[in-house]
Amino acid sequence: MKHHALAVAVVALGAAAAAQAQSAADGIAKYREMLQDGNPAELFEARGEGLWKQKRGPKNASLEQCDLGKGPGVIKGAFVELPRFFKDTGRVQDLESRLVTCMETLQGFNAAEINKTPFGRGEMANVTALATYVATESKGMRFNLPQTTPQEKAMFEAGKRSFFMRGGTHDFSCASCHGEDGKRIRLQDLPNLTKNPGDGVGFAAWPAYRVSNGQMWSMQLRLNDCYRQMRWPEPKFGSDVTIALSVYMGVNAKGAESAVPAIKR
């Protein structure tokens, strides 16, 4: 009888913990839903639209002829097919690194200088606003990253290896937090980024507005901060490892709807 009572108690405690966790998750979901009305990301989107159309830089030109993979000036649907290979640069590029390429070739900005600028400052802040605008134009569309070129396929494999590679002072990898279902940190659910629909919740939600610090975060910044939290050296903007990880997560998110611009805690 004692063993039976103990077993019943353990089951009851497990059920109570699960119910409490679900209640917390539901509460966070409702909180985000309320915040979505009047999402400050809309301000960054509007600023990005203005920057896209404004004639700027040494060449006094706009970005309206920027080719994001679907032809010069075509924005709608571009975000959900990035990162992808571009013949003119000979590289697989994500949205942000491609925007910097256009800022250099069309407007005359120095790409190397932009890449060295800290997040949230100068032209890097403009890149985030531009990325928010372009990404928002594909909201509700489904991810379908191309895997047709050898370069795209190689980046997927590199991203997969990087995702599971452990290291740093704490022996962490991306998979430590995002490699299984049902994980969380405190009240924060951790989506499983190795498959769908978990990856649709993660990869498909950035750029996003961070309520905790009042900033708009791009995917490049999100990955940079993940490396910081893992106690790894922080990658440089547009580095191959960040592009590769985005390819891996983006391909895994195939069919997921883009939720950009999202709002995060």
C-alpha atoms as a PDB file:
ATOM      1  CA  MET A   1       0.000   0.000   0.000  1.00  0.00           C
ATOM      2  CA  LYS A   2       2.838   2.372   0.863  1.00  0.00           C
ATOM      3  CA  HIS A   3       4.493   1.786  -2.512  1.00  0.00           C
ATOM      4  CA  HIS A   4       1.161   2.302  -4.256  1.00  0.00           C
ATOM      5  CA  ALA A   5       0.534   5.570  -2.376  1.00  0.00           C
ATOM      6  CA  LEU A   6       4.030   6.778  -3.238  1.00  0.00           C
ATOM      7  CA  ALA A   7       3.508   5.994  -6.913  1.00  0.00           C
ATOM      8  CA  VAL A   8       0.193   7.846  -6.926  1.00  0.00           C
ATOM      9  CA  ALA A   9       1.831  10.843  -5.264  1.00  0.00           C
ATOM     10  CA  VAL A  10       4.646  10.907  -7.844  1.00  0.00           C
ATOM     11  CA  VAL A  11       2.147  10.757 -10.705  1.00  0.00           C
ATOM     12  CA  ALA A  12       0.089  13.523  -9.113  1.00  0.00           C
ATOM     13  CA  LEU A  13       3.163  15.727  -8.681  1.00  0.00           C
ATOM     14  CA  GLY A  14       4.179  15.101 -12.280  1.00  0.00           C
ATOM     15  CA  ALA A  15       0.724  16.008 -13.523  1.00  0.00           C
ATOM     16  CA  ALA A  16       0.681  19.150 -11.382  1.00  0.00           C
ATOM     17  CA  ALA A  17       4.101  20.213 -12.697  1.00  0.00           C
ATOM     18  CA  ALA A  18       3.004  19.617 -16.284  1.00  0.00           C
ATOM     19  CA  ALA A  19      -0.186  21.608 -15.731  1.00  0.00           C
ATOM     20  CA  GLN A  20       1.779  24.438 -14.151  1.00  0.00           C
ATOM     21  CA  ALA A  21       4.227  24.490 -17.062  1.00  0.00           C
ATOM     22  CA  GLN A  22       1.381  24.523 -19.583  1.00  0.00           C
ATOM     23  CA  SER A  23      -0.324  27.323 -17.649  1.00  0.00           C
ATOM     24  CA  ALA A  24       2.886  29.378 -17.733  1.00  0.00           C
ATOM     25  CA  ALA A  25       3.318  28.744 -21.459  1.00  0.00           C
ATOM     26  CA  ASP A  26      -0.295  29.753 -22.116  1.00  0.00           C
ATOM     27  CA  GLY A  27       0.222  32.906 -20.069  1.00  0.00           C
ATOM     28  CA  ILE A  28       3.297  33.884 -22.078  1.00  0.00           C
ATOM     29  CA  ALA A  29       1.432  33.222 -25.323  1.00  0.00           C
ATOM     30  CA  LYS A  30      -1.419  35.499 -24.222  1.00  0.00           C
ATOM     31  CA  TYR A  31       1.103  38.161 -23.151  1.00  0.00           C
ATOM     32  CA  ARG A  32       2.721  38.116 -26.584  1.00  0.00           C
ATOM     33  CA  GLU A  33      -0.668  38.206 -28.275  1.00  0.00           C
ATOM     34  CA  MET A  34      -1.592  41.350 -26.359  1.00  0.00           C
ATOM     35  CA  LEU A  35       1.744  42.973 -27.174  1.00  0.00           C
ATOM     36  CA  GLN A  36       1.336  42.177 -30.869  1.00  0.00           C
ATOM     37  CA  ASP A  37      -1.250  44.964 -31.109  1.00  0.00           C
ATOM     38  CA  GLY A  38       0.887  48.018 -31.619  1.00  0.00           C
ATOM     39  CA  ASN A  39       4.083  45.989 -31.988  1.00  0.00           C
ATOM     40  CA  PRO A  40       6.963  48.546 -31.979  1.00  0.00           C
ATOM     41  CA  ALA A  41       8.501  46.529 -34.828  1.00  0.00           C
ATOM     42  CA  GLU A  42       6.106  48.393 -37.109  1.00  0.00           C
ATOM     43  CA  LEU A  43       8.157  51.547 -36.510  1.00  0.00           C
ATOM     44  CA  PHE A  44      11.306  49.773 -37.723  1.00  0.00           C
ATOM     45  CA  GLU A  45       9.384  48.410 -40.700  1.00  0.00           C
ATOM     46  CA  ALA A  46       8.265  51.926 -41.676  1.00  0.00           C
ATOM     47  CA  ARG A  47      11.795  53.250 -41.262  1.00  0.00           C
ATOM     48  CA  GLY A  48      13.118  50.428 -43.406  1.00  0.00           C
ATOM     49  CA  GLU A  49      10.629  51.189 -46.166  1.00  0.00           C
ATOM     50  CA  GLY A  50      11.786  54.803 -46.161  1.00  0.00           C
ATOM     51  CA  LEU A  51      15.443  53.744 -46.339  1.00  0.00           C
ATOM     52  CA  TRP A  52      14.687  51.341 -49.194  1.00  0.00           C
ATOM     53  CA  LYS A  53      13.221  54.121 -51.316  1.00  0.00           C
ATOM     54  CA  GLN A  54      15.509  56.963 -50.230  1.00  0.00           C
ATOM     55  CA  LYS A  55      18.440  58.036 -52.401  1.00  0.00           C
ATOM     56  CA  ARG A  56      21.492  57.777 -50.160  1.00  0.00           C
ATOM     57  CA  GLY A  57      25.212  57.133 -50.110  1.00  0.00           C
ATOM     58  CA  PRO A  58      28.065  58.359 -52.312  1.00  0.00           C
ATOM     59  CA  LYS A  59      26.119  57.329 -55.443  1.00  0.00           C
ATOM     60  CA  ASN A  60      22.908  59.042 -54.249  1.00  0.00           C
ATOM     61  CA  ALA A  61      20.804  56.023 -55.190  1.00  0.00           C
ATOM     62  CA  SER A  62      17.959  54.035 -53.641  1.00  0.00           C
ATOM     63  CA  LEU A  63      17.840  50.283 -53.062  1.00  0.00           C
ATOM     64  CA  GLU A  64      14.850  49.799 -55.316  1.00  0.00           C
ATOM     65  CA  GLN A  65      16.959  47.845 -57.835  1.00  0.00           C
ATOM     66  CA  CYS A  66      18.463  45.549 -55.193  1.00  0.00           C
ATOM     67  CA  ASP A  67      18.274  41.900 -56.258  1.00  0.00           C
ATOM     68  CA  LEU A  68      17.387  39.732 -53.269  1.00  0.00           C
ATOM     69  CA  GLY A  69      17.101  36.587 -55.345  1.00  0.00           C
ATOM     70  CA  LYS A  70      13.870  37.132 -57.264  1.00  0.00           C
ATOM     71  CA  GLY A  71      15.056  39.885 -59.579  1.00  0.00           C
ATOM     72  CA  PRO A  72      15.935  43.584 -59.175  1.00  0.00           C
ATOM     73  CA  GLY A  73      13.483  45.348 -56.889  1.00  0.00           C
ATOM     74  CA  VAL A  74      11.346  42.291 -56.106  1.00  0.00           C
ATOM     75  CA  ILE A  75      10.766  42.103 -52.362  1.00  0.00           C
ATOM     76  CA  LYS A  76       7.661  39.987 -51.844  1.00  0.00           C
ATOM     77  CA  GLY A  77       8.586  36.368 -51.266  1.00  0.00           C
ATOM     78  CA  ALA A  78      12.333  37.037 -51.146  1.00  0.00           C
ATOM     79  CA  PHE A  79      12.748  36.611 -47.382  1.00  0.00           C
ATOM     80  CA  VAL A  80      11.288  33.103 -47.250  1.00  0.00           C
ATOM     81  CA  GLU A  81      13.847  31.937 -49.837  1.00  0.00           C
ATOM     82  CA  LEU A  82      16.917  33.270 -48.040  1.00  0.00           C
ATOM     83  CA  PRO A  83      19.764  32.451 -47.467  1.00  0.00           C
ATOM     84  CA  ARG A  84      20.527  31.454 -51.059  1.00  0.00           C
ATOM     85  CA  PHE A  85      23.449  31.456 -53.511  1.00  0.00           C
ATOM     86  CA  PHE A  86      24.145  34.620 -55.530  1.00  0.00           C
ATOM     87  CA  LYS A  87      26.267  34.386 -58.673  1.00  0.00           C
ATOM     88  CA  ASP A  88      27.445  38.003 -58.543  1.00  0.00           C
ATOM     89  CA  THR A  89      29.132  37.551 -55.152  1.00  0.00           C
ATOM     90  CA  GLY A  90      29.845  33.827 -55.475  1.00  0.00           C
ATOM     91  CA  ARG A  91      28.487  33.363 -51.956  1.00  0.00           C
ATOM     92  CA  VAL A  92      25.467  32.062 -50.105  1.00  0.00           C
ATOM     93  CA  GLN A  93      23.993  35.131 -48.419  1.00  0.00           C
ATOM     94  CA  ASP A  94      21.242  35.823 -45.930  1.00  0.00           C
ATOM     95  CA  LEU A  95      18.977  38.870 -46.104  1.00  0.00           C
ATOM     96  CA  GLU A  96      21.219  41.143 -44.068  1.00  0.00           C
ATOM     97  CA  SER A  97      24.496  40.367 -45.818  1.00  0.00           C
ATOM     98  CA  ARG A  98      22.740  40.693 -49.184  1.00  0.00           C
ATOM     99  CA  LEU A  99      21.372  44.098 -48.211  1.00  0.00           C
ATOM    100  CA  VAL A 100      24.899  45.233 -47.361  1.00  0.00           C
ATOM    101  CA  THR A 101      26.047  44.064 -50.802  1.00  0.00           C
ATOM    102  CA  CYS A 102      23.319  46.180 -52.409  1.00  0.00           C
ATOM    103  CA  MET A 103      24.215  49.155 -50.228  1.00  0.00           C
ATOM    104  CA  GLU A 104      27.777  48.895 -51.523  1.00  0.00           C
ATOM    105  CA  THR A 105      27.097  48.219 -55.213  1.00  0.00           C
ATOM    106  CA  LEU A 106      24.081  50.485 -55.672  1.00  0.00           C
ATOM    107  CA  GLN A 107      24.672  53.248 -53.135  1.00  0.00           C
ATOM    108  CA  GLY A 108      28.445  53.274 -52.784  1.00  0.00           C
ATOM    109  CA  PHE A 109      28.684  52.489 -49.068  1.00  0.00           C
ATOM    110  CA  ASN A 110      31.734  50.617 -47.779  1.00  0.00           C
ATOM    111  CA  ALA A 111      30.531  47.093 -46.941  1.00  0.00           C
ATOM    112  CA  ALA A 112      33.592  46.299 -44.812  1.00  0.00           C
ATOM    113  CA  GLU A 113      32.946  49.362 -42.661  1.00  0.00           C
ATOM    114  CA  ILE A 114      29.261  48.483 -42.228  1.00  0.00           C
ATOM    115  CA  ASN A 115      30.160  44.909 -41.254  1.00  0.00           C
ATOM    116  CA  LYS A 116      32.419  46.220 -38.481  1.00  0.00           C
ATOM    117  CA  THR A 117      29.757  48.555 -37.057  1.00  0.00           C
ATOM    118  CA  PRO A 118      28.191  47.345 -33.775  1.00  0.00           C
ATOM    119  CA  PHE A 119      24.558  46.224 -33.902  1.00  0.00           C
ATOM    120  CA  GLY A 120      22.087  49.072 -33.404  1.00  0.00           C
ATOM    121  CA  ARG A 121      24.477  51.805 -34.523  1.00  0.00           C
ATOM    122  CA  GLY A 122      25.029  53.782 -37.709  1.00  0.00           C
ATOM    123  CA  GLU A 123      24.412  51.942 -40.953  1.00  0.00           C
ATOM    124  CA  MET A 124      24.089  48.636 -39.092  1.00  0.00           C
ATOM    125  CA  ALA A 125      20.924  49.987 -37.466  1.00  0.00           C
ATOM    126  CA  ASN A 126      19.719  50.862 -40.965  1.00  0.00           C
ATOM    127  CA  VAL A 127      20.431  47.301 -42.135  1.00  0.00           C
ATOM    128  CA  THR A 128      18.205  45.963 -39.337  1.00  0.00           C
ATOM    129  CA  ALA A 129      15.401  48.358 -40.298  1.00  0.00           C
ATOM    130  CA  LEU A 130      15.739  47.412 -43.966  1.00  0.00           C
ATOM    131  CA  ALA A 131      15.702  43.701 -43.085  1.00  0.00           C
ATOM    132  CA  THR A 132      12.552  44.217 -41.020  1.00  0.00           C
ATOM    133  CA  TYR A 133      10.807  45.943 -43.932  1.00  0.00           C
ATOM    134  CA  VAL A 134      11.813  43.357 -46.520  1.00  0.00           C
ATOM    135  CA  ALA A 135      11.001  40.398 -44.246  1.00  0.00           C
ATOM    136  CA  THR A 136       7.587  41.816 -43.333  1.00  0.00           C
ATOM    137  CA  GLU A 137       6.645  41.887 -47.002  1.00  0.00           C
ATOM    138  CA  SER A 138       6.694  38.068 -46.893  1.00  0.00           C
ATOM    139  CA  LYS A 139       4.671  37.686 -43.692  1.00  0.00           C
ATOM    140  CA  GLY A 140       2.389  34.650 -43.875  1.00  0.00           C
ATOM    141  CA  MET A 141       4.300  33.141 -46.799  1.00  0.00           C
ATOM    142  CA  ARG A 142       5.890  29.735 -46.380  1.00  0.00           C
ATOM    143  CA  PHE A 143       9.606  29.102 -46.182  1.00  0.00           C
ATOM    144  CA  ASN A 144      11.101  27.353 -49.177  1.00  0.00           C
ATOM    145  CA  LEU A 145      14.862  27.807 -49.173  1.00  0.00           C
ATOM    146  CA  PRO A 146      16.555  26.604 -52.369  1.00  0.00           C
ATOM    147  CA  GLN A 147      18.922  23.653 -52.184  1.00  0.00           C
ATOM    148  CA  THR A 148      19.806  23.413 -55.854  1.00  0.00           C
ATOM    149  CA  THR A 149      23.423  24.595 -56.038  1.00  0.00           C
ATOM    150  CA  PRO A 150      26.488  22.847 -54.591  1.00  0.00           C
ATOM    151  CA  GLN A 151      27.152  25.944 -52.492  1.00  0.00           C
ATOM    152  CA  GLU A 152      23.684  25.851 -50.895  1.00  0.00           C
ATOM    153  CA  LYS A 153      23.972  22.146 -50.156  1.00  0.00           C
ATOM    154  CA  ALA A 154      27.442  22.602 -48.651  1.00  0.00           C
ATOM    155  CA  MET A 155      26.181  25.422 -46.434  1.00  0.00           C
ATOM    156  CA  PHE A 156      23.351  23.223 -45.158  1.00  0.00           C
ATOM    157  CA  GLU A 157      25.803  20.497 -44.160  1.00  0.00           C
ATOM    158  CA  ALA A 158      28.138  23.056 -42.564  1.00  0.00           C
ATOM    159  CA  GLY A 159      25.201  24.526 -40.656  1.00  0.00           C
ATOM    160  CA  LYS A 160      24.135  21.098 -39.444  1.00  0.00           C
ATOM    161  CA  ARG A 161      27.617  20.342 -38.136  1.00  0.00           C
ATOM    162  CA  SER A 162      27.870  23.755 -36.498  1.00  0.00           C
ATOM    163  CA  PHE A 163      24.472  23.284 -34.833  1.00  0.00           C
ATOM    164  CA  PHE A 164      25.592  20.094 -33.067  1.00  0.00           C
ATOM    165  CA  MET A 165      29.245  21.014 -32.439  1.00  0.00           C
ATOM    166  CA  ARG A 166      29.974  21.376 -28.719  1.00  0.00           C
ATOM    167  CA  GLY A 167      32.629  23.694 -27.334  1.00  0.00           C
ATOM    168  CA  GLY A 168      33.393  26.736 -25.227  1.00  0.00           C
ATOM    169  CA  THR A 169      33.921  26.872 -21.496  1.00  0.00           C
ATOM    170  CA  HIS A 170      30.552  25.190 -20.824  1.00  0.00           C
ATOM    171  CA  ASP A 171      30.718  22.560 -23.604  1.00  0.00           C
ATOM    172  CA  PHE A 172      27.517  23.908 -25.210  1.00  0.00           C
ATOM    173  CA  SER A 173      26.167  23.620 -28.721  1.00  0.00           C
ATOM    174  CA  CYS A 174      23.067  25.065 -30.371  1.00  0.00           C
ATOM    175  CA  ALA A 175      21.508  21.636 -29.905  1.00  0.00           C
ATOM    176  CA  SER A 176      22.011  21.852 -26.130  1.00  0.00           C
ATOM    177  CA  CYS A 177      18.993  24.153 -25.998  1.00  0.00           C
ATOM    178  CA  HIS A 178      17.295  23.617 -29.351  1.00  0.00           C
ATOM    179  CA  GLY A 179      17.852  19.961 -30.223  1.00  0.00           C
ATOM    180  CA  GLU A 180      14.886  18.313 -28.453  1.00  0.00           C
ATOM    181  CA  ASP A 181      11.185  18.827 -27.856  1.00  0.00           C
ATOM    182  CA  GLY A 182       9.824  20.214 -24.587  1.00  0.00           C
ATOM    183  CA  LYS A 183      12.864  22.131 -23.370  1.00  0.00           C
ATOM    184  CA  ARG A 184      12.673  25.487 -21.630  1.00  0.00           C
ATOM    185  CA  ILE A 185      14.744  27.995 -19.649  1.00  0.00           C
ATOM    186  CA  ARG A 186      12.767  29.400 -16.723  1.00  0.00           C
ATOM    187  CA  LEU A 187       9.472  30.439 -18.423  1.00  0.00           C
ATOM    188  CA  GLN A 188      10.941  30.514 -21.919  1.00  0.00           C
ATOM    189  CA  ASP A 189      10.050  27.657 -24.260  1.00  0.00           C
ATOM    190  CA  LEU A 190      12.961  26.501 -26.408  1.00  0.00           C
ATOM    191  CA  PRO A 191      11.796  25.429 -29.867  1.00  0.00           C
ATOM    192  CA  ASN A 192      13.322  22.344 -31.427  1.00  0.00           C
ATOM    193  CA  LEU A 193      15.138  23.845 -34.420  1.00  0.00           C
ATOM    194  CA  THR A 194      16.031  20.535 -36.023  1.00  0.00           C
ATOM    195  CA  LYS A 195      12.568  20.058 -37.496  1.00  0.00           C
ATOM    196  CA  ASN A 196       9.192  21.635 -38.222  1.00  0.00           C
ATOM    197  CA  PRO A 197       7.031  23.060 -36.719  1.00  0.00           C
ATOM    198  CA  GLY A 198       9.519  23.930 -33.968  1.00  0.00           C
ATOM    199  CA  ASP A 199      11.778  25.657 -36.459  1.00  0.00           C
ATOM    200  CA  GLY A 200       8.833  27.642 -37.785  1.00  0.00           C
ATOM    201  CA  VAL A 201       8.462  29.159 -34.331  1.00  0.00           C
ATOM    202  CA  GLY A 202      12.165  29.950 -34.067  1.00  0.00           C
ATOM    203  CA  PHE A 203      13.718  30.791 -37.423  1.00  0.00           C
ATOM    204  CA  ALA A 204      10.472  32.161 -38.856  1.00  0.00           C
ATOM    205  CA  ALA A 205      10.098  34.796 -36.115  1.00  0.00           C
ATOM    206  CA  TRP A 206      13.208  36.934 -36.687  1.00  0.00           C
ATOM    207  CA  PRO A 207      13.669  39.909 -37.088  1.00  0.00           C
ATOM    208  CA  ALA A 208      11.715  40.470 -33.877  1.00  0.00           C
ATOM    209  CA  TYR A 209      11.238  43.228 -31.329  1.00  0.00           C
ATOM    210  CA  ARG A 210      12.744  42.444 -27.907  1.00  0.00           C
ATOM    211  CA  VAL A 211      10.567  43.909 -25.150  1.00  0.00           C
ATOM    212  CA  SER A 212      13.229  43.312 -22.485  1.00  0.00           C
ATOM    213  CA  ASN A 213      15.681  45.765 -24.040  1.00  0.00           C
ATOM    214  CA  GLY A 214      13.520  47.786 -26.429  1.00  0.00           C
ATOM    215  CA  GLN A 215      15.541  46.745 -29.479  1.00  0.00           C
ATOM    216  CA  MET A 216      14.823  45.243 -32.873  1.00  0.00           C
ATOM    217  CA  TRP A 217      16.848  42.067 -33.258  1.00  0.00           C
ATOM    218  CA  SER A 218      17.825  40.561 -36.577  1.00  0.00           C
ATOM    219  CA  MET A 219      18.739  36.914 -37.103  1.00  0.00           C
ATOM    220  CA  GLN A 220      22.420  37.895 -37.239  1.00  0.00           C
ATOM    221  CA  LEU A 221      22.146  39.493 -33.798  1.00  0.00           C
ATOM    222  CA  ARG A 222      20.088  36.582 -32.460  1.00  0.00           C
ATOM    223  CA  LEU A 223      22.818  34.116 -33.502  1.00  0.00           C
ATOM    224  CA  ASN A 224      25.545  36.399 -32.194  1.00  0.00           C
ATOM    225  CA  ASP A 225      23.859  36.487 -28.794  1.00  0.00           C
ATOM    226  CA  CYS A 226      23.385  32.714 -28.800  1.00  0.00           C
ATOM    227  CA  TYR A 227      27.142  32.305 -29.196  1.00  0.00           C
ATOM    228  CA  ARG A 228      27.702  34.797 -26.383  1.00  0.00           C
ATOM    229  CA  GLN A 229      25.360  32.844 -24.107  1.00  0.00           C
ATOM    230  CA  MET A 230      27.167  29.604 -24.979  1.00  0.00           C
ATOM    231  CA  ARG A 231      30.430  31.327 -23.929  1.00  0.00           C
ATOM    232  CA  TRP A 232      31.829  30.977 -27.439  1.00  0.00           C
ATOM    233  CA  PRO A 233      33.686  33.777 -29.272  1.00  0.00           C
ATOM    234  CA  GLU A 234      31.035  35.974 -30.895  1.00  0.00           C
ATOM    235  CA  PRO A 235      30.993  35.617 -34.700  1.00  0.00           C
ATOM    236  CA  LYS A 236      31.558  38.529 -37.034  1.00  0.00           C
ATOM    237  CA  PHE A 237      28.590  39.963 -38.926  1.00  0.00           C
ATOM    238  CA  GLY A 238      27.831  37.941 -42.057  1.00  0.00           C
ATOM    239  CA  SER A 239      30.349  35.220 -41.201  1.00  0.00           C
ATOM    240  CA  ASP A 240      30.054  31.842 -42.877  1.00  0.00           C
ATOM    241  CA  VAL A 241      28.991  30.116 -39.656  1.00  0.00           C
ATOM    242  CA  THR A 242      25.991  32.422 -39.170  1.00  0.00           C
ATOM    243  CA  ILE A 243      24.942  31.992 -42.803  1.00  0.00           C
ATOM    244  CA  ALA A 244      25.368  28.219 -42.574  1.00  0.00           C
ATOM    245  CA  LEU A 245      23.271  27.992 -39.417  1.00  0.00           C
ATOM    246  CA  SER A 246      20.554  30.083 -41.063  1.00  0.00           C
ATOM    247  CA  VAL A 247      20.558  27.755 -44.072  1.00  0.00           C
ATOM    248  CA  TYR A 248      20.239  24.714 -41.810  1.00  0.00           C
ATOM    249  CA  MET A 249      17.396  26.197 -39.776  1.00  0.00           C
ATOM    250  CA  GLY A 250      15.721  27.710 -42.823  1.00  0.00           C
ATOM    251  CA  VAL A 251      15.678  24.450 -44.763  1.00  0.00           C
ATOM    252  CA  ASN A 252      14.299  22.688 -41.670  1.00  0.00           C
ATOM    253  CA  ALA A 253      11.564  25.339 -41.563  1.00  0.00           C
ATOM    254  CA  LYS A 254      10.280  24.473 -45.043  1.00  0.00           C
ATOM    255  CA  GLY A 255       6.527  24.995 -45.170  1.00  0.00           C
ATOM    256  CA  ALA A 256       6.401  27.100 -41.993  1.00  0.00           C
ATOM    257  CA  GLU A 257       4.740  30.499 -42.243  1.00  0.00           C
ATOM    258  CA  SER A 258       6.886  33.563 -41.668  1.00  0.00           C
ATOM    259  CA  ALA A 259       5.740  35.379 -38.513  1.00  0.00           C
ATOM    260  CA  VAL A 260       7.924  38.462 -38.993  1.00  0.00           C
ATOM    261  CA  PRO A 261       7.815  40.953 -37.427  1.00  0.00           C
ATOM    262  CA  ALA A 262       7.366  39.024 -34.193  1.00  0.00           C
ATOM    263  CA  ILE A 263       7.635  40.250 -30.624  1.00  0.00           C
ATOM    264  CA  LYS A 264       9.756  38.532 -27.986  1.00  0.00           C
ATOM    265  CA  ARG A 265      10.229  38.939 -24.249  1.00  0.00           C
END
